[in-house]
N, C-alpha and C. Protein backbone atom coordinates (compact mmCIF):
# COMPACT_ATOMS: atom_id res chain seq x y z
N UNK A 1 -5.86 -6.38 10.29
CA UNK A 1 -5.00 -7.31 10.04
C UNK A 1 -5.48 -8.98 9.16
N UNK A 2 -6.21 -9.33 10.17
CA UNK A 2 -6.32 -10.62 10.23
C UNK A 2 -6.40 -11.15 8.44
N UNK A 3 -7.79 -9.80 8.24
CA UNK A 3 -8.18 -10.33 6.01
C UNK A 3 -7.00 -10.08 5.42
N UNK A 4 -7.05 -9.09 5.69
CA UNK A 4 -5.23 -8.49 4.87
C UNK A 4 -3.71 -9.91 4.91
N UNK A 5 -3.53 -10.80 5.84
CA UNK A 5 -2.43 -11.43 5.73
C UNK A 5 -3.89 -12.72 5.33
N UNK A 6 -4.71 -13.60 5.52
CA UNK A 6 -5.32 -13.87 4.73
C UNK A 6 -5.83 -14.39 2.65
N UNK A 7 -5.71 -13.38 3.12
CA UNK A 7 -5.06 -12.78 1.43
C UNK A 7 -4.16 -12.44 1.40
N UNK A 8 -3.44 -12.50 1.45
CA UNK A 8 -1.81 -12.90 1.45
C UNK A 8 -1.74 -13.95 0.74
N UNK A 9 -1.75 -14.82 1.84
CA UNK A 9 -1.97 -16.29 1.77
C UNK A 9 -2.51 -17.15 0.87
N UNK A 10 -3.62 -16.28 0.56
CA UNK A 10 -4.96 -17.23 -0.38
C UNK A 10 -3.75 -16.40 -2.14
N UNK A 11 -2.82 -15.91 -2.04
CA UNK A 11 -2.59 -15.78 -3.26
C UNK A 11 -2.22 -16.88 -3.72
N UNK A 12 -2.35 -16.71 -5.13
CA UNK A 12 -2.06 -17.90 -6.58
C UNK A 12 -0.60 -17.91 -7.10
N UNK A 13 0.13 -16.95 -7.00
CA UNK A 13 1.39 -16.45 -7.09
C UNK A 13 2.64 -17.56 -5.50
N UNK A 14 2.95 -18.24 -5.50
CA UNK A 14 3.52 -19.49 -4.25
C UNK A 14 4.44 -18.64 -4.49
N UNK A 15 5.59 -17.79 -4.94
CA UNK A 15 6.93 -17.89 -4.67
C UNK A 15 6.50 -16.53 -3.17
N UNK A 16 5.31 -15.57 -3.25
CA UNK A 16 5.17 -14.69 -2.11
C UNK A 16 5.63 -15.22 -0.72
N UNK A 17 6.42 -14.29 -0.32
CA UNK A 17 7.06 -14.19 1.26
C UNK A 17 6.70 -13.74 1.99
N UNK A 18 6.24 -13.72 2.83
CA UNK A 18 4.83 -12.25 3.64
C UNK A 18 6.26 -11.86 4.99
N UNK A 19 5.94 -10.65 4.93
CA UNK A 19 6.28 -10.05 6.61
C UNK A 19 5.79 -9.06 6.70
N UNK A 20 5.32 -9.10 7.66
CA UNK A 20 4.59 -7.82 8.39
C UNK A 20 5.57 -7.12 9.01
N UNK A 21 5.50 -5.41 9.61
CA UNK A 21 5.86 -4.99 9.60
C UNK A 21 5.10 -4.04 11.30
N UNK A 22 5.67 -3.81 12.27
CA UNK A 22 4.40 -3.31 13.06
C UNK A 22 5.06 -1.80 13.36
N UNK A 23 3.88 -0.96 13.60
CA UNK A 23 4.37 0.33 13.56
C UNK A 23 4.43 0.56 15.15
N UNK A 24 5.19 -0.41 15.99
CA UNK A 24 5.29 0.27 17.78
C UNK A 24 4.25 -0.73 18.64
N UNK A 25 3.14 -1.62 17.70
CA UNK A 25 2.65 -2.04 18.44
C UNK A 25 2.99 -3.82 18.16
N UNK A 26 3.13 -3.97 19.66
CA UNK A 26 3.02 -5.85 20.18
C UNK A 26 2.08 -6.34 18.79
N UNK A 27 2.21 -7.20 17.94
CA UNK A 27 0.82 -7.91 17.73
C UNK A 27 0.35 -8.83 18.86
N UNK A 28 -1.88 -9.01 18.78
CA UNK A 28 -2.11 -10.26 19.59
C UNK A 28 -1.59 -11.28 19.55
N UNK A 29 -1.64 -11.47 18.29
CA UNK A 29 -1.02 -12.52 17.96
C UNK A 29 -0.44 -13.11 16.66
N UNK A 30 1.01 -14.47 16.42
CA UNK A 30 1.58 -13.74 15.89
C UNK A 30 1.48 -15.14 14.62
N UNK A 31 1.08 -15.31 13.63
CA UNK A 31 0.28 -16.37 12.28
C UNK A 31 2.09 -16.63 12.18
N UNK A 32 2.43 -17.92 12.06
CA UNK A 32 3.52 -18.33 12.08
C UNK A 32 4.17 -18.70 10.19
N UNK A 33 2.64 -18.39 9.70
CA UNK A 33 3.38 -18.52 8.08
C UNK A 33 3.56 -17.01 7.78
N UNK A 34 3.62 -16.58 8.40
CA UNK A 34 4.48 -14.64 8.60
C UNK A 34 5.93 -14.51 9.61
N UNK A 35 6.91 -13.78 8.84
CA UNK A 35 7.71 -13.12 9.34
C UNK A 35 7.25 -11.91 9.57
N UNK A 36 7.72 -11.43 11.12
CA UNK A 36 6.75 -10.54 12.31
C UNK A 36 7.74 -10.10 12.48
N UNK A 37 8.12 -8.76 12.28
CA UNK A 37 8.75 -7.30 12.65
C UNK A 37 8.09 -6.17 13.51
N UNK A 38 8.50 -5.74 14.55
CA UNK A 38 7.67 -5.01 15.99
C UNK A 38 9.43 -3.65 15.87
N UNK A 39 8.74 -2.56 15.36
CA UNK A 39 9.39 -1.48 15.45
C UNK A 39 9.39 -1.65 17.06
N UNK A 40 10.73 -0.51 17.71
CA UNK A 40 10.35 -0.13 19.46
C UNK A 40 9.83 0.40 19.76
N UNK A 41 9.57 1.32 18.37
CA UNK A 41 9.19 2.42 18.90
C UNK A 41 7.61 3.22 17.55
N UNK A 42 6.48 3.72 17.79
CA UNK A 42 5.35 3.74 17.12
C UNK A 42 6.16 4.57 16.00
N UNK A 43 6.26 5.37 14.86
CA UNK A 43 6.58 6.27 13.72
C UNK A 43 6.07 6.76 13.59
N UNK A 44 4.00 6.31 12.82
CA UNK A 44 3.74 6.82 12.40
C UNK A 44 3.31 8.21 11.85
N UNK A 45 3.70 7.61 10.61
CA UNK A 45 4.54 8.52 9.43
C UNK A 45 3.22 8.85 8.85
N UNK A 46 2.15 7.59 8.81
CA UNK A 46 1.12 6.48 7.88
C UNK A 46 2.14 6.27 6.57
N UNK A 47 3.25 4.62 7.47
CA UNK A 47 3.43 3.82 6.93
C UNK A 47 5.09 4.13 6.19
N UNK A 48 5.04 5.07 6.52
CA UNK A 48 6.67 5.24 5.06
C UNK A 48 7.98 4.66 5.80
N UNK A 49 8.29 4.48 7.68
CA UNK A 49 8.95 3.26 8.24
C UNK A 49 8.77 2.41 8.30
N UNK A 50 7.69 1.52 9.05
CA UNK A 50 7.72 0.04 8.18
C UNK A 50 8.20 0.01 7.14
N UNK A 51 7.20 0.61 6.06
CA UNK A 51 7.60 -0.02 4.39
C UNK A 51 9.48 -0.03 4.35
N UNK A 52 10.07 1.19 5.12
CA UNK A 52 11.45 1.60 4.54
C UNK A 52 12.31 -0.23 5.56
N UNK A 53 11.92 0.13 6.52
CA UNK A 53 12.62 -1.86 7.61
C UNK A 53 11.88 -2.64 6.62
N UNK A 54 10.91 -3.13 5.89
CA UNK A 54 10.44 -3.87 5.77
C UNK A 54 10.59 -4.16 4.23
N UNK A 55 11.09 -3.04 3.23
CA UNK A 55 12.19 -2.80 2.04
C UNK A 55 13.39 -3.59 2.27
N UNK A 56 14.67 -3.13 2.92
CA UNK A 56 15.90 -2.71 3.02
C UNK A 56 16.12 -4.56 3.93
N UNK A 57 14.90 -5.07 4.86
CA UNK A 57 15.03 -5.78 4.98
C UNK A 57 14.53 -6.44 3.58
N UNK A 58 13.95 -7.47 3.25
CA UNK A 58 14.04 -7.93 2.11
C UNK A 58 15.73 -7.70 1.14
N UNK A 59 15.60 -6.47 0.66
CA UNK A 59 16.79 -6.77 -0.28
C UNK A 59 18.19 -7.05 0.10
N UNK A 60 17.79 -7.06 1.65
CA UNK A 60 18.75 -7.50 2.36
C UNK A 60 19.48 -9.15 1.77
N UNK A 61 17.81 -9.93 1.27
CA UNK A 61 17.83 -10.90 1.49
C UNK A 61 17.65 -11.65 0.24
N UNK A 62 17.92 -10.53 -0.81
CA UNK A 62 18.17 -10.51 -2.40
C UNK A 62 17.16 -10.59 -3.31
N UNK A 63 15.86 -10.99 -2.27
CA UNK A 63 14.25 -10.35 -3.46
C UNK A 63 14.51 -9.59 -4.76
N UNK A 64 13.49 -10.35 -5.71
CA UNK A 64 13.26 -10.13 -6.97
C UNK A 64 12.94 -9.05 -6.98
N UNK A 65 11.85 -9.25 -6.19
CA UNK A 65 10.60 -9.12 -6.70
C UNK A 65 9.45 -8.35 -5.19
N UNK A 66 9.13 -6.82 -4.90
CA UNK A 66 8.31 -7.05 -3.99
C UNK A 66 7.24 -6.08 -4.48
N UNK A 67 6.48 -6.45 -2.83
CA UNK A 67 4.89 -5.22 -2.53
C UNK A 67 5.03 -5.17 -1.72
N UNK A 68 3.83 -4.01 -1.63
CA UNK A 68 2.78 -3.91 0.49
C UNK A 68 1.78 -4.02 0.40
N UNK A 69 1.29 -4.37 1.68
CA UNK A 69 -0.38 -4.34 1.71
C UNK A 69 -0.86 -3.40 2.83
N UNK A 70 -1.08 -3.05 3.45
CA UNK A 70 -2.06 -2.17 3.87
C UNK A 70 -2.80 -2.80 4.79
N UNK A 71 -3.10 -2.40 6.00
CA UNK A 71 -3.59 -3.89 7.61
C UNK A 71 -5.37 -3.26 6.93
N UNK A 72 -5.26 -1.47 5.95
CA UNK A 72 -6.88 -2.11 5.65
C UNK A 72 -7.01 -2.08 4.51
N UNK A 73 -6.26 -3.21 3.54
CA UNK A 73 -6.71 -3.45 2.04
C UNK A 73 -6.27 -5.23 1.97
N UNK A 74 -6.92 -5.59 1.43
CA UNK A 74 -6.72 -7.07 1.47
C UNK A 74 -6.24 -7.72 -0.38
N UNK A 75 -5.71 -8.15 -1.53
CA UNK A 75 -5.44 -8.05 -1.93
C UNK A 75 -6.29 -9.50 -2.39
N UNK A 76 -7.06 -9.65 -4.16
CA UNK A 76 -7.74 -10.82 -4.09
C UNK A 76 -6.95 -11.84 -4.90
N UNK A 77 -7.65 -12.91 -4.93
CA UNK A 77 -6.50 -14.38 -5.07
C UNK A 77 -5.67 -14.12 -5.76
N UNK A 78 -6.40 -12.83 -7.74
CA UNK A 78 -4.93 -13.76 -8.56
C UNK A 78 -4.23 -12.29 -8.77
N UNK A 79 -4.73 -11.59 -7.53
CA UNK A 79 -3.87 -10.35 -7.66
C UNK A 79 -2.06 -9.74 -8.42
N UNK A 80 -1.68 -10.90 -6.99
CA UNK A 80 0.51 -11.24 -7.53
C UNK A 80 0.52 -11.47 -8.82
N UNK A 81 -0.12 -12.39 -9.15
CA UNK A 81 -0.32 -13.55 -10.25
C UNK A 81 -1.37 -12.72 -11.39
N UNK A 82 -1.85 -11.78 -11.79
CA UNK A 82 -1.77 -11.11 -12.92
C UNK A 82 -1.02 -9.83 -13.05
N UNK A 83 -0.53 -9.85 -11.66
CA UNK A 83 1.02 -8.20 -12.09
C UNK A 83 2.30 -9.28 -12.93
N UNK A 84 2.51 -9.98 -12.22
CA UNK A 84 3.89 -10.82 -12.10
C UNK A 84 3.66 -11.63 -13.67
N UNK A 85 2.73 -11.77 -14.66
CA UNK A 85 2.60 -11.94 -16.12
C UNK A 85 3.00 -11.09 -16.84
N UNK A 86 2.49 -9.08 -16.23
CA UNK A 86 2.91 -8.20 -16.75
C UNK A 86 5.14 -8.38 -16.62
N UNK A 87 5.54 -8.73 -15.91
CA UNK A 87 6.77 -8.62 -15.01
C UNK A 87 7.80 -8.61 -16.35
N UNK A 88 7.53 -9.16 -17.34
CA UNK A 88 9.09 -9.93 -18.09
C UNK A 88 9.05 -8.96 -19.19
N UNK A 89 8.00 -8.05 -19.17
CA UNK A 89 7.43 -6.79 -20.07
C UNK A 89 8.00 -4.89 -18.93
N UNK A 90 8.19 -5.20 -17.87
CA UNK A 90 8.06 -3.32 -16.95
C UNK A 90 8.30 -3.71 -16.10
N UNK A 91 9.29 -2.62 -15.65
CA UNK A 91 9.87 -2.35 -14.13
C UNK A 91 8.65 -2.73 -12.88
N UNK A 92 8.01 -2.77 -13.10
CA UNK A 92 7.22 -1.82 -12.28
C UNK A 92 5.42 -1.97 -13.40
N UNK A 93 4.86 -3.17 -12.57
CA UNK A 93 3.04 -3.11 -13.30
C UNK A 93 2.59 -3.26 -11.68
N UNK A 94 0.89 -2.55 -12.09
CA UNK A 94 0.80 -2.31 -10.77
C UNK A 94 -1.00 -2.20 -11.42
N UNK A 95 -2.00 -2.70 -10.65
CA UNK A 95 -3.57 -2.86 -11.14
C UNK A 95 -4.18 -2.20 -10.14
N UNK A 96 -5.99 -2.29 -10.46
CA UNK A 96 -6.78 -0.30 -10.30
C UNK A 96 -7.36 -0.80 -8.94
N UNK A 97 -7.84 -0.79 -8.20
CA UNK A 97 -8.45 -1.49 -6.17
C UNK A 97 -10.09 -0.86 -6.92
N UNK A 98 -10.69 -1.05 -5.74
CA UNK A 98 -11.46 -2.05 -5.66
C UNK A 98 -11.71 -0.61 -4.75
N UNK A 99 -13.04 0.48 -4.39
CA UNK A 99 -13.08 1.40 -3.38
C UNK A 99 -13.70 0.67 -1.99
N UNK A 100 -13.79 0.01 -1.09
CA UNK A 100 -14.91 -0.81 -0.14
C UNK A 100 -15.01 -0.24 1.04
N UNK A 101 -16.07 0.11 1.44
CA UNK A 101 -16.63 0.72 3.16
C UNK A 101 -16.40 -0.33 3.80
N UNK A 102 -16.14 0.35 5.02
CA UNK A 102 -15.20 -0.42 5.87
C UNK A 102 -15.49 -2.05 6.53
N UNK A 103 -16.89 -2.23 5.91
CA UNK A 103 -17.41 -3.71 5.62
C UNK A 103 -16.24 -4.71 4.76
N UNK A 104 -16.14 -3.62 3.67
CA UNK A 104 -15.53 -4.82 2.64
C UNK A 104 -16.36 -4.90 1.62
N UNK A 105 -17.55 -4.03 1.91
CA UNK A 105 -18.95 -4.37 0.49
C UNK A 105 -18.07 -3.29 -0.48
N UNK A 106 -18.17 -3.39 -1.37
CA UNK A 106 -18.20 -2.84 -2.51
C UNK A 106 -18.18 -1.78 -2.76
N UNK A 107 -17.77 -0.30 -2.48
CA UNK A 107 -18.74 1.60 -3.32
C UNK A 107 -18.22 1.50 -4.67
N UNK A 108 -16.84 1.06 -5.39
CA UNK A 108 -17.16 1.28 -6.92
C UNK A 108 -15.55 0.47 -6.75
N UNK A 109 -14.88 0.57 -8.93
CA UNK A 109 -14.25 0.90 -9.12
C UNK A 109 -13.04 1.34 -9.00
N UNK A 110 -11.49 2.23 -8.41
CA UNK A 110 -10.95 2.33 -9.41
C UNK A 110 -10.53 2.35 -10.19
N UNK A 111 -10.55 3.02 -11.91
CA UNK A 111 -9.95 3.03 -12.54
C UNK A 111 -9.37 4.10 -12.81
N UNK A 112 -9.39 5.30 -11.93
CA UNK A 112 -8.37 6.33 -12.52
C UNK A 112 -7.47 7.20 -11.39
N UNK A 113 -7.79 7.03 -10.59
CA UNK A 113 -6.45 7.27 -9.52
C UNK A 113 -5.67 6.04 -8.18
N UNK A 114 -5.53 4.95 -9.09
CA UNK A 114 -4.38 4.61 -9.31
C UNK A 114 -4.50 3.33 -10.24
N UNK A 115 -3.56 3.88 -11.56
CA UNK A 115 -3.86 3.80 -12.98
C UNK A 115 -1.89 3.82 -13.78
N UNK A 116 -0.94 4.06 -13.08
CA UNK A 116 0.33 3.94 -13.06
C UNK A 116 0.89 5.02 -13.47
N UNK A 117 -0.13 5.75 -14.79
CA UNK A 117 0.26 6.76 -15.62
C UNK A 117 0.25 8.65 -14.45
N UNK A 118 -0.01 8.97 -13.60
CA UNK A 118 -0.31 9.87 -12.47
C UNK A 118 -0.16 9.15 -10.92
N UNK A 119 -0.50 8.05 -9.99
CA UNK A 119 -0.41 7.65 -9.73
C UNK A 119 -0.46 5.96 -9.41
N UNK A 120 0.31 5.40 -8.26
CA UNK A 120 -0.58 4.08 -7.94
C UNK A 120 -0.62 4.08 -6.62
N UNK A 121 -1.69 3.77 -6.43
CA UNK A 121 -1.75 3.57 -5.41
C UNK A 121 -0.62 2.23 -4.40
N UNK A 122 -0.16 2.44 -3.05
CA UNK A 122 0.78 1.78 -2.61
C UNK A 122 0.16 -0.02 -2.22
N UNK A 123 0.06 -0.44 -1.97
CA UNK A 123 -0.66 -1.46 -2.01
C UNK A 123 -0.86 -2.24 -3.72
N UNK A 124 -0.97 -1.34 -4.65
CA UNK A 124 -1.12 -2.01 -5.77
C UNK A 124 -0.03 -2.80 -6.83
N UNK A 125 1.06 -2.03 -6.11
CA UNK A 125 1.92 -1.91 -7.45
C UNK A 125 2.77 -2.92 -6.73
N UNK A 126 4.17 -4.21 -8.18
CA UNK A 126 4.38 -4.87 -7.95
C UNK A 126 5.80 -4.12 -8.22
N UNK A 127 7.05 -4.06 -7.87
CA UNK A 127 8.86 -3.75 -8.18
C UNK A 127 9.28 -5.11 -8.55
N UNK A 128 10.03 -5.32 -9.43
CA UNK A 128 10.66 -6.14 -10.11
C UNK A 128 11.74 -5.75 -10.95
N UNK A 129 12.90 -6.79 -11.22
CA UNK A 129 13.87 -6.05 -12.00
C UNK A 129 14.87 -4.65 -11.09
N UNK A 130 15.20 -3.85 -11.93
CA UNK A 130 16.08 -2.97 -11.33
C UNK A 130 15.24 -1.91 -11.08
N UNK A 131 13.90 -2.10 -10.29
CA UNK A 131 13.36 -1.39 -10.05
C UNK A 131 13.67 -1.61 -8.51
N UNK A 132 13.39 -2.76 -7.96
CA UNK A 132 13.51 -2.80 -6.32
C UNK A 132 13.99 -2.24 -5.45
N UNK A 133 14.89 -1.74 -6.11
CA UNK A 133 15.41 -0.59 -4.78
C UNK A 133 15.27 0.01 -4.53
N UNK A 134 14.74 0.74 -5.97
CA UNK A 134 13.56 2.23 -4.76
C UNK A 134 12.89 2.18 -3.92
N UNK A 135 12.42 0.81 -3.53
CA UNK A 135 12.23 1.20 -1.58
C UNK A 135 12.35 1.69 -1.20
N UNK A 136 14.17 1.39 -1.17
CA UNK A 136 14.81 2.27 -0.09
C UNK A 136 13.87 3.59 0.31
N UNK A 137 13.85 4.13 -1.13
CA UNK A 137 12.49 5.49 -0.53
C UNK A 137 12.20 6.17 0.16
N UNK A 138 11.91 5.17 0.98
CA UNK A 138 10.45 5.04 1.84
C UNK A 138 10.39 5.62 2.89
N UNK A 139 12.24 5.93 3.10
CA UNK A 139 12.78 6.14 4.44
C UNK A 139 13.03 7.67 4.09
N UNK A 140 13.13 7.92 2.78
CA UNK A 140 13.42 10.02 2.60
C UNK A 140 11.77 9.81 2.74
N UNK A 141 11.64 10.12 2.95
CA UNK A 141 9.33 10.77 2.25
C UNK A 141 10.24 12.28 3.04
N UNK A 142 9.04 12.78 3.01
CA UNK A 142 9.50 14.23 4.48
C UNK A 142 8.11 14.20 5.57
N UNK A 143 8.90 13.99 6.63
CA UNK A 143 8.20 13.24 7.42
C UNK A 143 8.70 15.44 8.84
N UNK A 144 6.86 15.41 9.44
CA UNK A 144 7.29 16.43 10.78
C UNK A 144 6.83 15.76 11.55
N UNK A 145 7.39 16.38 13.08
CA UNK A 145 7.09 15.09 14.17
C UNK A 145 5.53 15.93 14.95
N UNK A 146 4.86 15.34 15.36
CA UNK A 146 3.66 16.05 16.16
C UNK A 146 1.95 15.94 14.92
N UNK A 147 2.69 16.11 13.79
CA UNK A 147 1.97 15.76 12.56
C UNK A 147 2.15 14.91 12.00
N UNK A 148 1.00 13.93 11.73
CA UNK A 148 0.34 13.29 10.91
C UNK A 148 0.39 12.99 8.91
N UNK A 149 2.44 13.15 8.19
CA UNK A 149 1.33 13.52 7.39
C UNK A 149 0.90 13.24 6.79
N UNK A 150 -0.39 13.20 5.47
CA UNK A 150 -1.10 12.42 4.77
C UNK A 150 -0.01 12.42 3.17
N UNK A 151 -0.34 11.81 2.13
CA UNK A 151 0.35 12.15 0.87
C UNK A 151 1.81 11.21 1.46
N UNK A 152 2.87 10.55 1.41
CA UNK A 152 3.51 10.15 1.79
C UNK A 152 3.72 9.44 0.17
N UNK A 153 2.41 8.40 -0.26
CA UNK A 153 2.29 7.93 -1.47
C UNK A 153 2.72 8.31 -2.65
N UNK A 154 2.11 9.31 -2.49
CA UNK A 154 2.41 10.15 -3.47
C UNK A 154 3.93 11.07 -4.01
N UNK A 155 4.23 10.67 -2.46
CA UNK A 155 5.28 11.30 -2.40
C UNK A 155 6.42 10.50 -3.04
N UNK A 156 6.49 9.18 -3.06
CA UNK A 156 7.59 7.99 -3.29
C UNK A 156 7.27 8.23 -4.63
N UNK A 157 5.65 7.76 -4.90
CA UNK A 157 5.21 7.75 -6.63
C UNK A 157 6.06 8.60 -7.64
N UNK A 158 6.10 10.00 -6.76
CA UNK A 158 6.63 10.99 -7.35
C UNK A 158 8.02 10.32 -7.88
N UNK A 159 8.67 9.43 -7.27
CA UNK A 159 9.73 9.65 -7.30
C UNK A 159 10.73 8.71 -8.28
N UNK A 160 9.30 7.49 -8.48
CA UNK A 160 9.53 6.37 -8.85
C UNK A 160 8.48 6.45 -10.23
N UNK A 161 8.40 7.85 -10.44
CA UNK A 161 8.52 8.37 -12.18
C UNK A 161 8.94 9.02 -12.68
N UNK A 162 10.28 9.77 -11.66
CA UNK A 162 11.36 10.22 -12.55
C UNK A 162 12.31 9.63 -12.36
N UNK A 163 12.20 8.58 -12.14
CA UNK A 163 13.69 7.58 -12.99
C UNK A 163 13.62 6.79 -13.10
N UNK A 164 11.78 6.80 -14.44
CA UNK A 164 12.31 6.42 -16.04
C UNK A 164 11.95 5.16 -16.40
N UNK A 165 11.33 4.74 -15.23
CA UNK A 165 11.36 3.07 -15.23
C UNK A 165 10.08 2.92 -15.81
N UNK A 166 9.82 1.39 -16.80
CA UNK A 166 8.78 1.33 -17.61
C UNK A 166 7.44 0.67 -16.65
N UNK A 167 6.52 0.79 -16.74
CA UNK A 167 5.24 0.91 -16.13
C UNK A 167 4.30 0.78 -16.47
N UNK A 168 3.31 -0.99 -16.85
CA UNK A 168 2.54 -1.25 -17.32
C UNK A 168 1.16 -2.02 -16.29
N UNK A 169 0.58 -1.52 -16.75
CA UNK A 169 -1.07 -1.88 -16.02
C UNK A 169 -1.76 -2.45 -16.28
N UNK A 170 -2.35 -3.89 -15.66
CA UNK A 170 -3.17 -4.48 -15.73
C UNK A 170 -4.67 -4.79 -16.09
N UNK A 171 -5.18 -3.60 -15.74
CA UNK A 171 -7.04 -2.84 -16.08
C UNK A 171 -7.77 -3.53 -15.38
N UNK A 172 -6.50 -4.58 -14.11
CA UNK A 172 -7.47 -5.39 -12.61
C UNK A 172 -7.93 -4.71 -11.79
N UNK A 173 -9.35 -4.78 -11.14
CA UNK A 173 -9.23 -3.99 -10.01
C UNK A 173 -9.33 -5.48 -8.75
N UNK A 174 -7.82 -5.72 -8.87
CA UNK A 174 -7.00 -6.53 -7.57
C UNK A 174 -7.31 -6.20 -6.12
N UNK A 175 -7.29 -5.00 -6.43
CA UNK A 175 -6.72 -4.44 -4.34
C UNK A 175 -8.74 -4.14 -4.01
N UNK A 176 -8.59 -4.14 -2.74
CA UNK A 176 -10.12 -4.31 -2.32
C UNK A 176 -9.56 -2.52 -0.91
N UNK A 177 -9.18 -1.38 -0.84
CA UNK A 177 -9.38 -0.58 -0.19
C UNK A 177 -10.80 -0.75 0.65
N UNK A 178 -10.52 -1.42 2.66
CA UNK A 178 -11.71 -1.11 3.16
C UNK A 178 -11.39 0.89 3.75
N UNK A 179 -12.05 1.56 2.99
CA UNK A 179 -11.89 3.13 3.34
C UNK A 179 -12.67 3.82 3.88
N UNK A 180 -11.57 4.99 4.71
CA UNK A 180 -11.88 5.69 5.63
C UNK A 180 -12.46 6.76 5.01
N UNK A 181 -12.13 7.04 4.21
CA UNK A 181 -11.87 8.83 3.68
C UNK A 181 -12.78 9.13 3.17
N UNK A 182 -13.49 10.10 3.65
CA UNK A 182 -15.10 10.94 3.93
C UNK A 182 -14.95 11.19 1.69
N UNK A 183 -14.07 11.81 1.21
CA UNK A 183 -14.59 11.96 0.08
C UNK A 183 -14.97 10.74 -1.12
N UNK A 184 -14.60 9.74 -0.50
CA UNK A 184 -14.51 8.13 -1.02
C UNK A 184 -16.53 7.52 -1.37
N UNK A 185 -16.82 7.66 -0.10
CA UNK A 185 -18.54 7.64 0.62
C UNK A 185 -19.37 8.80 -0.27
N UNK A 186 -18.84 9.85 -0.82
CA UNK A 186 -19.75 11.64 -1.57
C UNK A 186 -20.83 10.78 -2.78
N UNK A 187 -21.05 9.37 -2.83
CA UNK A 187 -22.03 9.08 -3.96
C UNK A 187 -22.57 8.23 -2.76
N UNK A 188 -22.19 7.46 -2.07
CA UNK A 188 -23.46 7.08 -0.88
C UNK A 188 -22.63 7.49 0.56
N UNK A 189 -23.45 8.32 0.52
CA UNK A 189 -23.47 9.30 2.07
C UNK A 189 -24.32 8.08 3.64
N UNK A 190 -24.81 7.21 3.32
CA UNK A 190 -25.36 6.97 4.48
C UNK A 190 -24.48 5.51 4.07
N UNK A 191 -23.61 4.77 3.90
CA UNK A 191 -22.71 4.26 3.60
C UNK A 191 -21.02 4.63 4.47
N UNK A 192 -21.56 6.42 5.06
CA UNK A 192 -20.08 6.12 5.75
C UNK A 192 -19.92 5.81 7.02
N UNK A 193 -18.78 5.35 7.71
CA UNK A 193 -18.73 5.09 8.90
C UNK A 193 -19.09 5.97 9.99
N UNK A 194 -18.82 5.90 11.16
CA UNK A 194 -19.64 7.41 12.55
C UNK A 194 -18.04 8.36 11.83
N UNK A 195 -17.29 7.29 11.85
CA UNK A 195 -15.25 8.57 12.22
C UNK A 195 -14.73 8.46 10.56
N UNK A 196 -14.13 9.48 9.79
CA UNK A 196 -13.98 9.82 8.79
C UNK A 196 -12.61 10.51 7.96
N UNK A 197 -11.94 10.84 7.24
CA UNK A 197 -10.85 11.36 7.17
C UNK A 197 -11.34 12.01 5.97
N UNK A 198 -10.30 13.04 6.40
CA UNK A 198 -10.49 14.52 5.21
C UNK A 198 -8.77 14.66 5.62
N UNK A 199 -8.92 15.50 4.40
CA UNK A 199 -6.99 16.22 4.16
C UNK A 199 -6.74 17.74 4.74
N UNK A 200 -6.05 17.64 5.12
CA UNK A 200 -6.29 18.99 5.55
C UNK A 200 -4.21 19.59 5.73
N UNK A 201 -4.51 21.24 5.22
CA UNK A 201 -2.64 21.72 5.24
C UNK A 201 -2.54 22.47 6.61
N UNK A 202 -1.16 21.94 7.48
CA UNK A 202 -0.60 22.39 8.17
C UNK A 202 0.82 23.10 7.71
N UNK A 203 0.92 23.86 8.34
CA UNK A 203 1.97 23.99 7.91
C UNK A 203 3.41 23.69 6.20
N UNK A 204 1.86 24.03 5.49
CA UNK A 204 2.42 23.67 4.14
C UNK A 204 2.68 22.77 3.45
N UNK A 205 2.09 21.49 5.07
CA UNK A 205 2.07 20.11 4.66
C UNK A 205 0.94 19.18 4.31
N UNK A 206 0.17 18.38 3.46
CA UNK A 206 -0.86 17.50 3.80
C UNK A 206 -0.52 16.79 5.49
N UNK A 207 -1.64 17.24 5.98
CA UNK A 207 -2.22 15.51 6.59
C UNK A 207 -3.95 15.58 6.96
N UNK A 208 -3.53 15.02 7.42
CA UNK A 208 -4.96 14.05 8.25
C UNK A 208 -5.47 13.96 9.25
N UNK A 209 -6.85 14.43 8.94
CA UNK A 209 -7.95 14.91 10.25
C UNK A 209 -9.19 13.85 10.26
N UNK A 210 -9.74 13.66 11.58
CA UNK A 210 -10.75 12.18 11.65
C UNK A 210 -11.91 14.42 12.03
N UNK A 211 -13.33 13.53 11.51
CA UNK A 211 -14.58 14.30 11.21
C UNK A 211 -15.43 12.89 11.53
C-alpha cells in the first residue's frame, strides 16, 4: 500500500486528489495526503465494491476525471500526465503496463493484455468527460457469496466497450504490477513467489485459487 500511495504523490499531474478505500480493514497508519475511507465489513469481491464506493464519492464531488490504483500496483511519475495529454481527444485513455515480480523487478512489458482494444487493466485507464459516470457500474459486477470472484475488471471493461466511448492508448508502459499470477512467471519460473494465483472455474464463475 505504501508504494502505491507514494507513486500517486509523485505524479507530475498536480490536479490529482488521492482517496483510498479500505475493504473492511483499518489501515495501520493514515497518510495525511490521502482521504481515507474504511468500509465497515470486508466485501472480498476483488475490489469491485471499494472501487464503486470510491467512484461514487468522487462523482458526488463533481470530479472531471477518474483513475484507479490497486495496492499491488504503482504508477510511474508520468502516468497520469501522459493519459491526460490524450484526454482532449478521447473519452478514455489507456496505458500499457509492466509485469513485475513481487519485489518490483521487471519481468516484461505487457503491450497486449492491456491495450484498450480488447481489455484495459483497471490500473491503466483514465475516465474523463462523459465516460466518468460509467465508474458507478463497479457496483453492478456479478458476485457470489463465499467465492472470491476473478475477472471483475474484465466484466467492467466489457460494459465500457458497449457504451461506444472513444478510447486512446498512450502505448507507454507506465503502470507497474507486482503480480502473483502463476501465468506471468512462465518465462521466469525461478522468480515466482512461494504462493501464486491461478484461475479456476467454480459453478461457471471464474475464481481465484492459491497454489
